[in-house]
Amino acid sequence: MQNSKAELLQGTLDLLILKTLNTGPLHGYAIVQSIQRCSDEILAVEEGSLYPSLHRMEEKGWISAQWGRSENNRRAKYYALTRAGRKQLEDETAIWERVCRAITLVLQAA
């Protein structure tokens, strides 16, 4: 099977970021690396998509941000899930699972 990068469906990036932050605070580059690693290198998140999504989620109160030091001692903004973000993750996960079931039904139809 070819190992090419796949584009994210609209609306899925927030879900992936929320899920990634569910394990603890991360800076932007670590979020990108985690999504790529967890997807077997299939999903690639571009900075031009990541940071607007992070800022939008911060404005909605789903994540919080604070400055810290990265693994290589660089100044980095760390993002963490809030209580509202955990609720949003639950809601979006349920919607995603329903949509996946529906698409699977259509694909399996004769």
PDB file of N, CA and C in Angstrom:
ATOM      1  N   MET A   1       0.839  -1.179   0.000  1.00  0.00           N
ATOM      2  CA  MET A   1       0.000   0.000   0.000  1.00  0.00           C
ATOM      3  C   MET A   1       0.884   1.241   0.000  1.00  0.00           C
ATOM      4  N   GLN A   2       0.492   2.220  -0.783  1.00  0.00           N
ATOM      5  CA  GLN A   2       1.267   3.451  -0.883  1.00  0.00           C
ATOM      6  C   GLN A   2       1.116   4.257   0.400  1.00  0.00           C
ATOM      7  N   ASN A   3       2.192   4.840   0.863  1.00  0.00           N
ATOM      8  CA  ASN A   3       2.190   5.580   2.119  1.00  0.00           C
ATOM      9  C   ASN A   3       2.223   7.076   1.846  1.00  0.00           C
ATOM     10  N   SER A   4       1.211   7.599   1.155  1.00  0.00           N
ATOM     11  CA  SER A   4       1.169   9.022   0.868  1.00  0.00           C
ATOM     12  C   SER A   4       0.370   9.748   1.935  1.00  0.00           C
ATOM     13  N   LYS A   5       0.585  11.043   2.022  1.00  0.00           N
ATOM     14  CA  LYS A   5      -0.119  11.863   3.001  1.00  0.00           C
ATOM     15  C   LYS A   5      -1.562  12.072   2.547  1.00  0.00           C
ATOM     16  N   ALA A   6      -2.458  12.142   3.497  1.00  0.00           N
ATOM     17  CA  ALA A   6      -3.869  12.360   3.200  1.00  0.00           C
ATOM     18  C   ALA A   6      -4.299  13.712   3.743  1.00  0.00           C
ATOM     19  N   GLU A   7      -5.196  14.361   3.013  1.00  0.00           N
ATOM     20  CA  GLU A   7      -5.757  15.616   3.494  1.00  0.00           C
ATOM     21  C   GLU A   7      -6.835  15.313   4.506  1.00  0.00           C
ATOM     22  N   LEU A   8      -6.942  16.180   5.498  1.00  0.00           N
ATOM     23  CA  LEU A   8      -7.959  16.005   6.529  1.00  0.00           C
ATOM     24  C   LEU A   8      -9.305  16.483   6.009  1.00  0.00           C
ATOM     25  N   LEU A   9     -10.353  15.772   6.373  1.00  0.00           N
ATOM     26  CA  LEU A   9     -11.694  16.227   6.058  1.00  0.00           C
ATOM     27  C   LEU A   9     -11.978  17.477   6.867  1.00  0.00           C
ATOM     28  N   GLN A  10     -12.721  18.395   6.289  1.00  0.00           N
ATOM     29  CA  GLN A  10     -13.051  19.625   6.995  1.00  0.00           C
ATOM     30  C   GLN A  10     -13.753  19.290   8.306  1.00  0.00           C
ATOM     31  N   GLY A  11     -13.334  19.939   9.367  1.00  0.00           N
ATOM     32  CA  GLY A  11     -13.954  19.723  10.664  1.00  0.00           C
ATOM     33  C   GLY A  11     -13.294  18.647  11.508  1.00  0.00           C
ATOM     34  N   THR A  12     -12.362  17.888  10.936  1.00  0.00           N
ATOM     35  CA  THR A  12     -11.740  16.825  11.720  1.00  0.00           C
ATOM     36  C   THR A  12     -10.503  17.288  12.479  1.00  0.00           C
ATOM     37  N   LEU A  13      -9.907  18.381  12.057  1.00  0.00           N
ATOM     38  CA  LEU A  13      -8.674  18.829  12.705  1.00  0.00           C
ATOM     39  C   LEU A  13      -8.906  19.150  14.178  1.00  0.00           C
ATOM     40  N   ASP A  14      -9.985  19.847  14.503  1.00  0.00           N
ATOM     41  CA  ASP A  14     -10.266  20.156  15.909  1.00  0.00           C
ATOM     42  C   ASP A  14     -10.375  18.876  16.726  1.00  0.00           C
ATOM     43  N   LEU A  15     -11.081  17.896  16.199  1.00  0.00           N
ATOM     44  CA  LEU A  15     -11.240  16.618  16.894  1.00  0.00           C
ATOM     45  C   LEU A  15      -9.885  15.962  17.146  1.00  0.00           C
ATOM     46  N   LEU A  16      -9.024  15.946  16.138  1.00  0.00           N
ATOM     47  CA  LEU A  16      -7.703  15.325  16.289  1.00  0.00           C
ATOM     48  C   LEU A  16      -6.841  16.070  17.305  1.00  0.00           C
ATOM     49  N   ILE A  17      -6.913  17.381  17.288  1.00  0.00           N
ATOM     50  CA  ILE A  17      -6.139  18.174  18.252  1.00  0.00           C
ATOM     51  C   ILE A  17      -6.654  17.929  19.667  1.00  0.00           C
ATOM     52  N   LEU A  18      -7.978  17.969  19.840  1.00  0.00           N
ATOM     53  CA  LEU A  18      -8.548  17.722  21.166  1.00  0.00           C
ATOM     54  C   LEU A  18      -8.149  16.346  21.681  1.00  0.00           C
ATOM     55  N   LYS A  19      -8.225  15.343  20.824  1.00  0.00           N
ATOM     56  CA  LYS A  19      -7.850  13.977  21.221  1.00  0.00           C
ATOM     57  C   LYS A  19      -6.371  13.917  21.603  1.00  0.00           C
ATOM     58  N   THR A  20      -5.531  14.581  20.826  1.00  0.00           N
ATOM     59  CA  THR A  20      -4.098  14.590  21.093  1.00  0.00           C
ATOM     60  C   THR A  20      -3.797  15.258  22.432  1.00  0.00           C
ATOM     61  N   LEU A  21      -4.486  16.350  22.731  1.00  0.00           N
ATOM     62  CA  LEU A  21      -4.253  17.065  23.984  1.00  0.00           C
ATOM     63  C   LEU A  21      -4.883  16.369  25.188  1.00  0.00           C
ATOM     64  N   ASN A  22      -5.699  15.362  24.946  1.00  0.00           N
ATOM     65  CA  ASN A  22      -6.331  14.626  26.036  1.00  0.00           C
ATOM     66  C   ASN A  22      -5.299  13.913  26.918  1.00  0.00           C
ATOM     67  N   THR A  23      -4.110  13.668  26.380  1.00  0.00           N
ATOM     68  CA  THR A  23      -3.058  13.002  27.149  1.00  0.00           C
ATOM     69  C   THR A  23      -2.204  13.973  27.956  1.00  0.00           C
ATOM     70  N   GLY A  24      -2.349  15.278  27.689  1.00  0.00           N
ATOM     71  CA  GLY A  24      -1.587  16.275  28.429  1.00  0.00           C
ATOM     72  C   GLY A  24      -1.161  17.426  27.545  1.00  0.00           C
ATOM     73  N   PRO A  25      -0.646  18.499  28.144  1.00  0.00           N
ATOM     74  CA  PRO A  25      -0.256  19.694  27.387  1.00  0.00           C
ATOM     75  C   PRO A  25       0.869  19.400  26.386  1.00  0.00           C
ATOM     76  N   LEU A  26       0.768  20.027  25.211  1.00  0.00           N
ATOM     77  CA  LEU A  26       1.789  19.901  24.162  1.00  0.00           C
ATOM     78  C   LEU A  26       1.935  21.226  23.442  1.00  0.00           C
ATOM     79  N   HIS A  27       3.111  21.452  22.868  1.00  0.00           N
ATOM     80  CA  HIS A  27       3.295  22.615  22.006  1.00  0.00           C
ATOM     81  C   HIS A  27       2.899  22.228  20.583  1.00  0.00           C
ATOM     82  N   GLY A  28       2.751  23.231  19.724  1.00  0.00           N
ATOM     83  CA  GLY A  28       2.235  23.009  18.380  1.00  0.00           C
ATOM     84  C   GLY A  28       2.955  21.938  17.585  1.00  0.00           C
ATOM     85  N   TYR A  29       4.277  21.985  17.546  1.00  0.00           N
ATOM     86  CA  TYR A  29       5.028  21.008  16.761  1.00  0.00           C
ATOM     87  C   TYR A  29       4.827  19.591  17.300  1.00  0.00           C
ATOM     88  N   ALA A  30       4.730  19.453  18.609  1.00  0.00           N
ATOM     89  CA  ALA A  30       4.502  18.130  19.209  1.00  0.00           C
ATOM     90  C   ALA A  30       3.108  17.605  18.852  1.00  0.00           C
ATOM     91  N   ILE A  31       2.127  18.496  18.739  1.00  0.00           N
ATOM     92  CA  ILE A  31       0.783  18.093  18.315  1.00  0.00           C
ATOM     93  C   ILE A  31       0.846  17.530  16.903  1.00  0.00           C
ATOM     94  N   VAL A  32       1.526  18.247  16.017  1.00  0.00           N
ATOM     95  CA  VAL A  32       1.675  17.800  14.620  1.00  0.00           C
ATOM     96  C   VAL A  32       2.357  16.437  14.573  1.00  0.00           C
ATOM     97  N   GLN A  33       3.443  16.286  15.300  1.00  0.00           N
ATOM     98  CA  GLN A  33       4.183  15.017  15.321  1.00  0.00           C
ATOM     99  C   GLN A  33       3.322  13.874  15.852  1.00  0.00           C
ATOM    100  N   SER A  34       2.560  14.129  16.896  1.00  0.00           N
ATOM    101  CA  SER A  34       1.729  13.097  17.487  1.00  0.00           C
ATOM    102  C   SER A  34       0.646  12.625  16.519  1.00  0.00           C
ATOM    103  N   ILE A  35      -0.021  13.558  15.866  1.00  0.00           N
ATOM    104  CA  ILE A  35      -1.062  13.192  14.901  1.00  0.00           C
ATOM    105  C   ILE A  35      -0.455  12.388  13.759  1.00  0.00           C
ATOM    106  N   GLN A  36       0.695  12.822  13.284  1.00  0.00           N
ATOM    107  CA  GLN A  36       1.360  12.111  12.186  1.00  0.00           C
ATOM    108  C   GLN A  36       1.767  10.703  12.629  1.00  0.00           C
ATOM    109  N   ARG A  37       2.363  10.592  13.795  1.00  0.00           N
ATOM    110  CA  ARG A  37       2.817   9.294  14.302  1.00  0.00           C
ATOM    111  C   ARG A  37       1.633   8.347  14.549  1.00  0.00           C
ATOM    112  N   CYS A  38       0.582   8.857  15.191  1.00  0.00           N
ATOM    113  CA  CYS A  38      -0.581   8.017  15.509  1.00  0.00           C
ATOM    114  C   CYS A  38      -1.338   7.570  14.265  1.00  0.00           C
ATOM    115  N   SER A  39      -1.193   8.304  13.179  1.00  0.00           N
ATOM    116  CA  SER A  39      -1.896   7.945  11.939  1.00  0.00           C
ATOM    117  C   SER A  39      -1.014   7.135  10.994  1.00  0.00           C
ATOM    118  N   ASP A  40       0.059   6.550  11.522  1.00  0.00           N
ATOM    119  CA  ASP A  40       1.015   5.796  10.692  1.00  0.00           C
ATOM    120  C   ASP A  40       1.564   6.644   9.549  1.00  0.00           C
ATOM    121  N   GLU A  41       1.822   7.920   9.858  1.00  0.00           N
ATOM    122  CA  GLU A  41       2.433   8.864   8.915  1.00  0.00           C
ATOM    123  C   GLU A  41       1.522   9.196   7.733  1.00  0.00           C
ATOM    124  N   ILE A  42       0.219   8.942   7.856  1.00  0.00           N
ATOM    125  CA  ILE A  42      -0.710   9.220   6.753  1.00  0.00           C
ATOM    126  C   ILE A  42      -1.248  10.641   6.837  1.00  0.00           C
ATOM    127  N   LEU A  43      -1.580  11.104   8.037  1.00  0.00           N
ATOM    128  CA  LEU A  43      -2.135  12.443   8.194  1.00  0.00           C
ATOM    129  C   LEU A  43      -1.021  13.445   8.458  1.00  0.00           C
ATOM    130  N   ALA A  44      -1.060  14.525   7.710  1.00  0.00           N
ATOM    131  CA  ALA A  44      -0.090  15.602   7.889  1.00  0.00           C
ATOM    132  C   ALA A  44      -0.853  16.895   8.163  1.00  0.00           C
ATOM    133  N   VAL A  45      -0.504  17.566   9.240  1.00  0.00           N
ATOM    134  CA  VAL A  45      -1.146  18.825   9.602  1.00  0.00           C
ATOM    135  C   VAL A  45      -0.168  19.945   9.296  1.00  0.00           C
ATOM    136  N   GLU A  46      -0.605  20.883   8.484  1.00  0.00           N
ATOM    137  CA  GLU A  46       0.237  22.025   8.121  1.00  0.00           C
ATOM    138  C   GLU A  46       0.082  23.132   9.169  1.00  0.00           C
ATOM    139  N   GLU A  47       1.159  23.895   9.369  1.00  0.00           N
ATOM    140  CA  GLU A  47       1.117  25.003  10.317  1.00  0.00           C
ATOM    141  C   GLU A  47       0.010  25.988   9.982  1.00  0.00           C
ATOM    142  N   GLY A  48      -0.229  26.189   8.678  1.00  0.00           N
ATOM    143  CA  GLY A  48      -1.261  27.119   8.237  1.00  0.00           C
ATOM    144  C   GLY A  48      -2.661  26.693   8.642  1.00  0.00           C
ATOM    145  N   SER A  49      -2.832  25.432   8.986  1.00  0.00           N
ATOM    146  CA  SER A  49      -4.115  24.928   9.482  1.00  0.00           C
ATOM    147  C   SER A  49      -4.101  24.794  11.000  1.00  0.00           C
ATOM    148  N   LEU A  50      -2.962  24.369  11.539  1.00  0.00           N
ATOM    149  CA  LEU A  50      -2.862  24.084  12.969  1.00  0.00           C
ATOM    150  C   LEU A  50      -3.105  25.321  13.829  1.00  0.00           C
ATOM    151  N   TYR A  51      -2.344  26.381  13.600  1.00  0.00           N
ATOM    152  CA  TYR A  51      -2.398  27.517  14.514  1.00  0.00           C
ATOM    153  C   TYR A  51      -3.722  28.267  14.468  1.00  0.00           C
ATOM    154  N   PRO A  52      -4.344  28.449  13.301  1.00  0.00           N
ATOM    155  CA  PRO A  52      -5.696  29.046  13.327  1.00  0.00           C
ATOM    156  C   PRO A  52      -6.691  28.186  14.112  1.00  0.00           C
ATOM    157  N   SER A  53      -6.564  26.871  13.995  1.00  0.00           N
ATOM    158  CA  SER A  53      -7.444  25.970  14.742  1.00  0.00           C
ATOM    159  C   SER A  53      -7.183  26.094  16.240  1.00  0.00           C
ATOM    160  N   LEU A  54      -5.919  26.114  16.639  1.00  0.00           N
ATOM    161  CA  LEU A  54      -5.583  26.270  18.062  1.00  0.00           C
ATOM    162  C   LEU A  54      -6.123  27.594  18.608  1.00  0.00           C
ATOM    163  N   HIS A  55      -5.953  28.668  17.860  1.00  0.00           N
ATOM    164  CA  HIS A  55      -6.437  29.981  18.322  1.00  0.00           C
ATOM    165  C   HIS A  55      -7.961  29.996  18.427  1.00  0.00           C
ATOM    166  N   ARG A  56      -8.639  29.395  17.466  1.00  0.00           N
ATOM    167  CA  ARG A  56     -10.105  29.331  17.488  1.00  0.00           C
ATOM    168  C   ARG A  56     -10.582  28.533  18.710  1.00  0.00           C
ATOM    169  N   MET A  57      -9.929  27.393  18.974  1.00  0.00           N
ATOM    170  CA  MET A  57     -10.323  26.569  20.119  1.00  0.00           C
ATOM    171  C   MET A  57     -10.014  27.267  21.442  1.00  0.00           C
ATOM    172  N   GLU A  58      -8.951  28.051  21.463  1.00  0.00           N
ATOM    173  CA  GLU A  58      -8.629  28.811  22.676  1.00  0.00           C
ATOM    174  C   GLU A  58      -9.706  29.873  22.918  1.00  0.00           C
ATOM    175  N   GLU A  59     -10.143  30.544  21.864  1.00  0.00           N
ATOM    176  CA  GLU A  59     -11.198  31.550  21.992  1.00  0.00           C
ATOM    177  C   GLU A  59     -12.507  30.933  22.470  1.00  0.00           C
ATOM    178  N   LYS A  60     -12.777  29.692  22.068  1.00  0.00           N
ATOM    179  CA  LYS A  60     -14.007  29.007  22.474  1.00  0.00           C
ATOM    180  C   LYS A  60     -13.898  28.423  23.880  1.00  0.00           C
ATOM    181  N   GLY A  61     -12.698  28.466  24.464  1.00  0.00           N
ATOM    182  CA  GLY A  61     -12.506  27.958  25.818  1.00  0.00           C
ATOM    183  C   GLY A  61     -12.270  26.457  25.889  1.00  0.00           C
ATOM    184  N   TRP A  62     -12.009  25.817  24.753  1.00  0.00           N
ATOM    185  CA  TRP A  62     -11.776  24.373  24.727  1.00  0.00           C
ATOM    186  C   TRP A  62     -10.357  24.023  25.150  1.00  0.00           C
ATOM    187  N   ILE A  63      -9.429  24.948  24.924  1.00  0.00           N
ATOM    188  CA  ILE A  63      -8.041  24.740  25.319  1.00  0.00           C
ATOM    189  C   ILE A  63      -7.531  26.012  25.988  1.00  0.00           C
ATOM    190  N   SER A  64      -6.492  25.852  26.778  1.00  0.00           N
ATOM    191  CA  SER A  64      -5.797  26.993  27.363  1.00  0.00           C
ATOM    192  C   SER A  64      -4.357  26.941  26.856  1.00  0.00           C
ATOM    193  N   ALA A  65      -3.660  28.061  26.976  1.00  0.00           N
ATOM    194  CA  ALA A  65      -2.280  28.104  26.486  1.00  0.00           C
ATOM    195  C   ALA A  65      -1.403  28.870  27.464  1.00  0.00           C
ATOM    196  N   GLN A  66      -0.167  28.398  27.580  1.00  0.00           N
ATOM    197  CA  GLN A  66       0.815  29.135  28.378  1.00  0.00           C
ATOM    198  C   GLN A  66       2.203  28.854  27.825  1.00  0.00           C
ATOM    199  N   TRP A  67       3.079  29.815  28.011  1.00  0.00           N
ATOM    200  CA  TRP A  67       4.444  29.689  27.502  1.00  0.00           C
ATOM    201  C   TRP A  67       5.274  28.796  28.405  1.00  0.00           C
ATOM    202  N   GLY A  68       6.157  28.020  27.787  1.00  0.00           N
ATOM    203  CA  GLY A  68       7.068  27.156  28.516  1.00  0.00           C
ATOM    204  C   GLY A  68       8.300  26.886  27.666  1.00  0.00           C
ATOM    205  N   ARG A  69       9.076  25.894  28.056  1.00  0.00           N
ATOM    206  CA  ARG A  69      10.286  25.506  27.335  1.00  0.00           C
ATOM    207  C   ARG A  69      10.085  24.138  26.702  1.00  0.00           C
ATOM    208  N   SER A  70      10.475  24.020  25.435  1.00  0.00           N
ATOM    209  CA  SER A  70      10.352  22.742  24.728  1.00  0.00           C
ATOM    210  C   SER A  70      11.499  21.822  25.115  1.00  0.00           C
ATOM    211  N   GLU A  71      11.483  20.617  24.554  1.00  0.00           N
ATOM    212  CA  GLU A  71      12.509  19.614  24.858  1.00  0.00           C
ATOM    213  C   GLU A  71      13.917  20.122  24.534  1.00  0.00           C
ATOM    214  N   ASN A  72      14.022  20.968  23.493  1.00  0.00           N
ATOM    215  CA  ASN A  72      15.341  21.493  23.121  1.00  0.00           C
ATOM    216  C   ASN A  72      15.562  22.907  23.666  1.00  0.00           C
ATOM    217  N   ASN A  73      14.872  23.211  24.777  1.00  0.00           N
ATOM    218  CA  ASN A  73      15.046  24.450  25.535  1.00  0.00           C
ATOM    219  C   ASN A  73      14.653  25.710  24.757  1.00  0.00           C
ATOM    220  N   ARG A  74      13.745  25.572  23.810  1.00  0.00           N
ATOM    221  CA  ARG A  74      13.224  26.731  23.093  1.00  0.00           C
ATOM    222  C   ARG A  74      11.917  27.165  23.745  1.00  0.00           C
ATOM    223  N   ARG A  75      11.653  28.457  23.658  1.00  0.00           N
ATOM    224  CA  ARG A  75      10.393  28.985  24.174  1.00  0.00           C
ATOM    225  C   ARG A  75       9.260  28.484  23.267  1.00  0.00           C
ATOM    226  N   ALA A  76       8.223  27.910  23.870  1.00  0.00           N
ATOM    227  CA  ALA A  76       7.115  27.363  23.087  1.00  0.00           C
ATOM    228  C   ALA A  76       5.812  27.555  23.854  1.00  0.00           C
ATOM    229  N   LYS A  77       4.740  27.709  23.104  1.00  0.00           N
ATOM    230  CA  LYS A  77       3.419  27.829  23.705  1.00  0.00           C
ATOM    231  C   LYS A  77       2.829  26.433  23.848  1.00  0.00           C
ATOM    232  N   TYR A  78       2.461  26.091  25.077  1.00  0.00           N
ATOM    233  CA  TYR A  78       1.884  24.786  25.366  1.00  0.00           C
ATOM    234  C   TYR A  78       0.367  24.916  25.485  1.00  0.00           C
ATOM    235  N   TYR A  79      -0.317  23.980  24.855  1.00  0.00           N
ATOM    236  CA  TYR A  79      -1.777  23.976  24.834  1.00  0.00           C
ATOM    237  C   TYR A  79      -2.279  22.818  25.682  1.00  0.00           C
ATOM    238  N   ALA A  80      -3.335  23.080  26.456  1.00  0.00           N
ATOM    239  CA  ALA A  80      -3.907  22.054  27.330  1.00  0.00           C
ATOM    240  C   ALA A  80      -5.422  22.061  27.188  1.00  0.00           C
ATOM    241  N   LEU A  81      -6.003  20.897  27.338  1.00  0.00           N
ATOM    242  CA  LEU A  81      -7.447  20.732  27.270  1.00  0.00           C
ATOM    243  C   LEU A  81      -8.095  21.302  28.529  1.00  0.00           C
ATOM    244  N   THR A  82      -9.200  21.997  28.372  1.00  0.00           N
ATOM    245  CA  THR A  82      -9.975  22.495  29.505  1.00  0.00           C
ATOM    246  C   THR A  82     -11.151  21.543  29.742  1.00  0.00           C
ATOM    247  N   ARG A  83     -11.905  21.789  30.784  1.00  0.00           N
ATOM    248  CA  ARG A  83     -13.105  20.986  31.046  1.00  0.00           C
ATOM    249  C   ARG A  83     -14.065  21.081  29.852  1.00  0.00           C
ATOM    250  N   ALA A  84     -14.251  22.290  29.332  1.00  0.00           N
ATOM    251  CA  ALA A  84     -15.125  22.475  28.166  1.00  0.00           C
ATOM    252  C   ALA A  84     -14.558  21.721  26.955  1.00  0.00           C
ATOM    253  N   GLY A  85     -13.239  21.666  26.853  1.00  0.00           N
ATOM    254  CA  GLY A  85     -12.597  20.937  25.761  1.00  0.00           C
ATOM    255  C   GLY A  85     -12.818  19.439  25.871  1.00  0.00           C
ATOM    256  N   ARG A  86     -12.807  18.918  27.080  1.00  0.00           N
ATOM    257  CA  ARG A  86     -13.080  17.482  27.274  1.00  0.00           C
ATOM    258  C   ARG A  86     -14.514  17.145  26.862  1.00  0.00           C
ATOM    259  N   LYS A  87     -15.440  18.035  27.205  1.00  0.00           N
ATOM    260  CA  LYS A  87     -16.834  17.844  26.807  1.00  0.00           C
ATOM    261  C   LYS A  87     -16.965  17.915  25.289  1.00  0.00           C
ATOM    262  N   GLN A  88     -16.279  18.865  24.681  1.00  0.00           N
ATOM    263  CA  GLN A  88     -16.311  18.995  23.220  1.00  0.00           C
ATOM    264  C   GLN A  88     -15.716  17.757  22.557  1.00  0.00           C
ATOM    265  N   LEU A  89     -14.653  17.225  23.125  1.00  0.00           N
ATOM    266  CA  LEU A  89     -14.044  16.000  22.603  1.00  0.00           C
ATOM    267  C   LEU A  89     -15.049  14.853  22.639  1.00  0.00           C
ATOM    268  N   GLU A  90     -15.755  14.711  23.751  1.00  0.00           N
ATOM    269  CA  GLU A  90     -16.786  13.660  23.848  1.00  0.00           C
ATOM    270  C   GLU A  90     -17.859  13.842  22.790  1.00  0.00           C
ATOM    271  N   ASP A  91     -18.349  15.072  22.644  1.00  0.00           N
ATOM    272  CA  ASP A  91     -19.413  15.359  21.679  1.00  0.00           C
ATOM    273  C   ASP A  91     -18.949  15.096  20.251  1.00  0.00           C
ATOM    274  N   GLU A  92     -17.770  15.604  19.908  1.00  0.00           N
ATOM    275  CA  GLU A  92     -17.272  15.438  18.541  1.00  0.00           C
ATOM    276  C   GLU A  92     -16.927  13.987  18.236  1.00  0.00           C
ATOM    277  N   THR A  93     -16.452  13.253  19.222  1.00  0.00           N
ATOM    278  CA  THR A  93     -16.157  11.836  19.022  1.00  0.00           C
ATOM    279  C   THR A  93     -17.445  11.069  18.717  1.00  0.00           C
ATOM    280  N   ALA A  94     -18.508  11.353  19.450  1.00  0.00           N
ATOM    281  CA  ALA A  94     -19.793  10.689  19.212  1.00  0.00           C
ATOM    282  C   ALA A  94     -20.314  10.997  17.808  1.00  0.00           C
ATOM    283  N   ILE A  95     -20.205  12.249  17.395  1.00  0.00           N
ATOM    284  CA  ILE A  95     -20.645  12.625  16.043  1.00  0.00           C
ATOM    285  C   ILE A  95     -19.806  11.894  15.002  1.00  0.00           C
ATOM    286  N   TRP A  96     -18.479  11.885  15.188  1.00  0.00           N
ATOM    287  CA  TRP A  96     -17.582  11.226  14.247  1.00  0.00           C
ATOM    288  C   TRP A  96     -17.920   9.740  14.110  1.00  0.00           C
ATOM    289  N   GLU A  97     -18.179   9.086  15.233  1.00  0.00           N
ATOM    290  CA  GLU A  97     -18.500   7.657  15.196  1.00  0.00           C
ATOM    291  C   GLU A  97     -19.804   7.405  14.440  1.00  0.00           C
ATOM    292  N   ARG A  98     -20.805   8.276  14.623  1.00  0.00           N
ATOM    293  CA  ARG A  98     -22.065   8.136  13.880  1.00  0.00           C
ATOM    294  C   ARG A  98     -21.845   8.322  12.385  1.00  0.00           C
ATOM    295  N   VAL A  99     -21.056   9.334  12.026  1.00  0.00           N
ATOM    296  CA  VAL A  99     -20.777   9.595  10.611  1.00  0.00           C
ATOM    297  C   VAL A  99     -20.012   8.423   9.993  1.00  0.00           C
ATOM    298  N   CYS A 100     -19.038   7.884  10.704  1.00  0.00           N
ATOM    299  CA  CYS A 100     -18.277   6.732  10.191  1.00  0.00           C
ATOM    300  C   CYS A 100     -19.185   5.527   9.965  1.00  0.00           C
ATOM    301  N   ARG A 101     -20.083   5.277  10.913  1.00  0.00           N
ATOM    302  CA  ARG A 101     -21.028   4.160  10.745  1.00  0.00           C
ATOM    303  C   ARG A 101     -21.894   4.388   9.517  1.00  0.00           C
ATOM    304  N   ALA A 102     -22.376   5.595   9.331  1.00  0.00           N
ATOM    305  CA  ALA A 102     -23.240   5.910   8.190  1.00  0.00           C
ATOM    306  C   ALA A 102     -22.493   5.748   6.872  1.00  0.00           C
ATOM    307  N   ILE A 103     -21.251   6.222   6.811  1.00  0.00           N
ATOM    308  CA  ILE A 103     -20.460   6.081   5.585  1.00  0.00           C
ATOM    309  C   ILE A 103     -20.180   4.616   5.299  1.00  0.00           C
ATOM    310  N   THR A 104     -19.868   3.853   6.334  1.00  0.00           N
ATOM    311  CA  THR A 104     -19.627   2.421   6.160  1.00  0.00           C
ATOM    312  C   THR A 104     -20.869   1.723   5.598  1.00  0.00           C
ATOM    313  N   LEU A 105     -22.029   2.082   6.115  1.00  0.00           N
ATOM    314  CA  LEU A 105     -23.281   1.497   5.597  1.00  0.00           C
ATOM    315  C   LEU A 105     -23.452   1.798   4.112  1.00  0.00           C
ATOM    316  N   VAL A 106     -23.169   3.020   3.715  1.00  0.00           N
ATOM    317  CA  VAL A 106     -23.298   3.390   2.303  1.00  0.00           C
ATOM    318  C   VAL A 106     -22.289   2.633   1.461  1.00  0.00           C
ATOM    319  N   LEU A 107     -21.046   2.512   1.920  1.00  0.00           N
ATOM    320  CA  LEU A 107     -20.024   1.817   1.163  1.00  0.00           C
ATOM    321  C   LEU A 107     -20.310   0.331   1.036  1.00  0.00           C
ATOM    322  N   GLN A 108     -20.990  -0.246   2.025  1.00  0.00           N
ATOM    323  CA  GLN A 108     -21.299  -1.684   1.997  1.00  0.00           C
ATOM    324  C   GLN A 108     -22.596  -1.998   1.254  1.00  0.00           C
ATOM    325  N   ALA A 109     -23.347  -0.978   0.925  1.00  0.00           N
ATOM    326  CA  ALA A 109     -24.617  -1.205   0.232  1.00  0.00           C
ATOM    327  C   ALA A 109     -24.360  -1.807  -1.157  1.00  0.00           C
ATOM    328  N   ALA A 110     -25.254  -2.666  -1.556  1.00  0.00           N
ATOM    329  CA  ALA A 110     -25.106  -3.336  -2.863  1.00  0.00           C
ATOM    330  C   ALA A 110     -25.394  -2.400  -4.017  1.00  0.00           C
TER     331      ALA A 110
END
